C-alpha atoms as a PDB file:
ATOM      1  CA  UNK A   1     -36.897  18.123 -18.229  1.00  0.00           C
ATOM      2  CA  UNK A   2     -33.879  20.334 -18.742  1.00  0.00           C
ATOM      3  CA  UNK A   3     -30.191  19.700 -18.210  1.00  0.00           C
ATOM      4  CA  UNK A   4     -27.853  22.264 -19.768  1.00  0.00           C
ATOM      5  CA  UNK A   5     -24.426  23.153 -18.413  1.00  0.00           C
ATOM      6  CA  UNK A   6     -21.492  25.141 -19.723  1.00  0.00           C
ATOM      7  CA  UNK A   7     -18.177  25.004 -17.880  1.00  0.00           C
ATOM      8  CA  UNK A   8     -14.898  26.852 -18.323  1.00  0.00           C
ATOM      9  CA  UNK A   9     -11.876  24.560 -17.771  1.00  0.00           C
ATOM     10  CA  UNK A  10      -9.058  25.704 -15.513  1.00  0.00           C
ATOM     11  CA  UNK A  11      -5.690  24.406 -14.350  1.00  0.00           C
ATOM     12  CA  UNK A  12      -5.143  20.731 -13.536  1.00  0.00           C
ATOM     13  CA  UNK A  13      -5.061  19.619  -9.920  1.00  0.00           C
ATOM     14  CA  UNK A  14      -1.820  18.264  -8.521  1.00  0.00           C
ATOM     15  CA  UNK A  15      -1.970  14.699  -7.135  1.00  0.00           C
ATOM     16  CA  UNK A  16      -1.588  16.075  -3.605  1.00  0.00           C
ATOM     17  CA  UNK A  17      -4.764  18.154  -3.975  1.00  0.00           C
ATOM     18  CA  UNK A  18      -6.982  15.183  -4.863  1.00  0.00           C
ATOM     19  CA  UNK A  19      -8.667  13.158  -2.131  1.00  0.00           C
ATOM     20  CA  UNK A  20     -10.947  10.150  -1.740  1.00  0.00           C
ATOM     21  CA  UNK A  21     -14.031  12.083  -2.897  1.00  0.00           C
ATOM     22  CA  UNK A  22     -12.267  13.082  -6.131  1.00  0.00           C
ATOM     23  CA  UNK A  23     -11.298   9.457  -6.804  1.00  0.00           C
ATOM     24  CA  UNK A  24     -14.835   8.246  -6.053  1.00  0.00           C
ATOM     25  CA  UNK A  25     -16.391  10.769  -8.433  1.00  0.00           C
ATOM     26  CA  UNK A  26     -13.996  10.130 -11.323  1.00  0.00           C
ATOM     27  CA  UNK A  27     -13.110   6.419 -11.102  1.00  0.00           C
ATOM     28  CA  UNK A  28     -16.195   5.112 -12.878  1.00  0.00           C
ATOM     29  CA  UNK A  29     -15.666   1.920 -14.859  1.00  0.00           C
ATOM     30  CA  UNK A  30     -19.218   1.202 -15.985  1.00  0.00           C
ATOM     31  CA  UNK A  31     -21.620   3.148 -18.184  1.00  0.00           C
ATOM     32  CA  UNK A  32     -25.401   3.082 -18.255  1.00  0.00           C
ATOM     33  CA  UNK A  33     -27.896   3.823 -21.002  1.00  0.00           C
ATOM     34  CA  UNK A  34     -31.478   3.096 -22.022  1.00  0.00           C
ATOM     35  CA  UNK A  35     -31.997   0.498 -24.761  1.00  0.00           C
ATOM     36  CA  UNK A  36     -35.612   0.129 -25.894  1.00  0.00           C
ATOM     37  CA  UNK A  37     -36.757   1.508 -22.541  1.00  0.00           C
ATOM     38  CA  UNK A  38     -34.630  -0.882 -20.482  1.00  0.00           C
ATOM     39  CA  UNK A  39     -31.488  -0.152 -18.512  1.00  0.00           C
ATOM     40  CA  UNK A  40     -28.326  -1.194 -20.349  1.00  0.00           C
ATOM     41  CA  UNK A  41     -24.866  -1.319 -18.817  1.00  0.00           C
ATOM     42  CA  UNK A  42     -21.324  -1.986 -20.003  1.00  0.00           C
ATOM     43  CA  UNK A  43     -17.913  -2.247 -18.396  1.00  0.00           C
ATOM     44  CA  UNK A  44     -15.406   0.344 -19.562  1.00  0.00           C
ATOM     45  CA  UNK A  45     -11.632   0.656 -19.335  1.00  0.00           C
ATOM     46  CA  UNK A  46      -9.665   3.894 -19.381  1.00  0.00           C
ATOM     47  CA  UNK A  47      -6.585   5.559 -17.987  1.00  0.00           C
ATOM     48  CA  UNK A  48      -7.142   7.760 -14.917  1.00  0.00           C
ATOM     49  CA  UNK A  49      -8.683  11.091 -15.810  1.00  0.00           C
ATOM     50  CA  UNK A  50      -6.461  14.153 -15.386  1.00  0.00           C
ATOM     51  CA  UNK A  51      -8.958  16.280 -13.401  1.00  0.00           C
ATOM     52  CA  UNK A  52      -8.774  20.060 -13.674  1.00  0.00           C
ATOM     53  CA  UNK A  53     -10.533  22.918 -11.958  1.00  0.00           C
ATOM     54  CA  UNK A  54     -13.575  24.307 -13.716  1.00  0.00           C
ATOM     55  CA  UNK A  55     -16.066  27.121 -13.323  1.00  0.00           C
ATOM     56  CA  UNK A  56     -19.779  26.846 -14.103  1.00  0.00           C
ATOM     57  CA  UNK A  57     -20.611  29.515 -16.671  1.00  0.00           C
ATOM     58  CA  UNK A  58     -24.264  28.502 -17.208  1.00  0.00           C
ATOM     59  CA  UNK A  59     -26.465  25.923 -15.499  1.00  0.00           C
ATOM     60  CA  UNK A  60     -30.111  25.177 -16.236  1.00  0.00           C
ATOM     61  CA  UNK A  61     -31.528  21.989 -14.793  1.00  0.00           C
ATOM     62  CA  UNK A  62     -34.692  20.619 -13.257  1.00  0.00           C
ATOM     63  CA  UNK A  63     -33.846  16.894 -13.277  1.00  0.00           C
ATOM     64  CA  UNK A  64     -33.281  16.744  -9.523  1.00  0.00           C
ATOM     65  CA  UNK A  65     -36.601  18.341  -8.695  1.00  0.00           C
ATOM     66  CA  UNK A  66     -38.348  16.216 -11.371  1.00  0.00           C
ATOM     67  CA  UNK A  67     -37.074  13.142  -9.506  1.00  0.00           C
ATOM     68  CA  UNK A  68     -38.861  14.393  -6.382  1.00  0.00           C
ATOM     69  CA  UNK A  69     -35.682  15.457  -4.598  1.00  0.00           C
ATOM     70  CA  UNK A  70     -35.130  18.848  -2.982  1.00  0.00           C
ATOM     71  CA  UNK A  71     -33.363  21.505  -5.052  1.00  0.00           C
ATOM     72  CA  UNK A  72     -29.607  21.603  -4.445  1.00  0.00           C
ATOM     73  CA  UNK A  73     -28.183  24.363  -2.278  1.00  0.00           C
ATOM     74  CA  UNK A  74     -24.859  26.146  -2.688  1.00  0.00           C
ATOM     75  CA  UNK A  75     -22.380  26.044  -5.522  1.00  0.00           C
ATOM     76  CA  UNK A  76     -22.065  22.864  -7.604  1.00  0.00           C
ATOM     77  CA  UNK A  77     -18.954  20.705  -7.319  1.00  0.00           C
ATOM     78  CA  UNK A  78     -17.406  20.836 -10.784  1.00  0.00           C
ATOM     79  CA  UNK A  79     -14.249  19.435 -12.336  1.00  0.00           C
ATOM     80  CA  UNK A  80     -13.133  19.047 -15.929  1.00  0.00           C
ATOM     81  CA  UNK A  81     -11.099  16.446 -17.796  1.00  0.00           C
ATOM     82  CA  UNK A  82      -9.879  16.447 -21.362  1.00  0.00           C
ATOM     83  CA  UNK A  83     -11.078  13.743 -23.728  1.00  0.00           C
ATOM     84  CA  UNK A  84      -9.691  10.279 -23.026  1.00  0.00           C
ATOM     85  CA  UNK A  85      -9.749   6.977 -24.934  1.00  0.00           C
ATOM     86  CA  UNK A  86     -12.281   4.487 -23.547  1.00  0.00           C
ATOM     87  CA  UNK A  87     -12.750   0.780 -24.330  1.00  0.00           C
ATOM     88  CA  UNK A  88     -16.378  -0.363 -23.974  1.00  0.00           C
ATOM     89  CA  UNK A  89     -17.161  -4.014 -23.276  1.00  0.00           C
ATOM     90  CA  UNK A  90     -20.312  -6.071 -23.805  1.00  0.00           C
ATOM     91  CA  UNK A  91     -23.565  -4.224 -23.135  1.00  0.00           C
ATOM     92  CA  UNK A  92     -25.945  -6.159 -20.872  1.00  0.00           C
ATOM     93  CA  UNK A  93     -29.655  -5.351 -20.603  1.00  0.00           C
ATOM     94  CA  UNK A  94     -31.824  -5.872 -17.579  1.00  0.00           C
END
């Protein structure tokens, strides 16, 4: 499976430009990972991301099709945020 993406960051969005979809896509407070083949999860804390516009420069992926889903159509929805500090809590497995 392949998942490679290169984006070019642009200008930040103003608060007025951001809607419910933007909040839904960026307000994630849990992370997931595989630990010894099992799903692990942890709560995270961070300040709100400062989302910015971005342009996809290169995209190679086949993960969606490998999952048995139809290939996406149209341009991808892409935003960028600079690095932020994140606190990670206890990791649970199962």
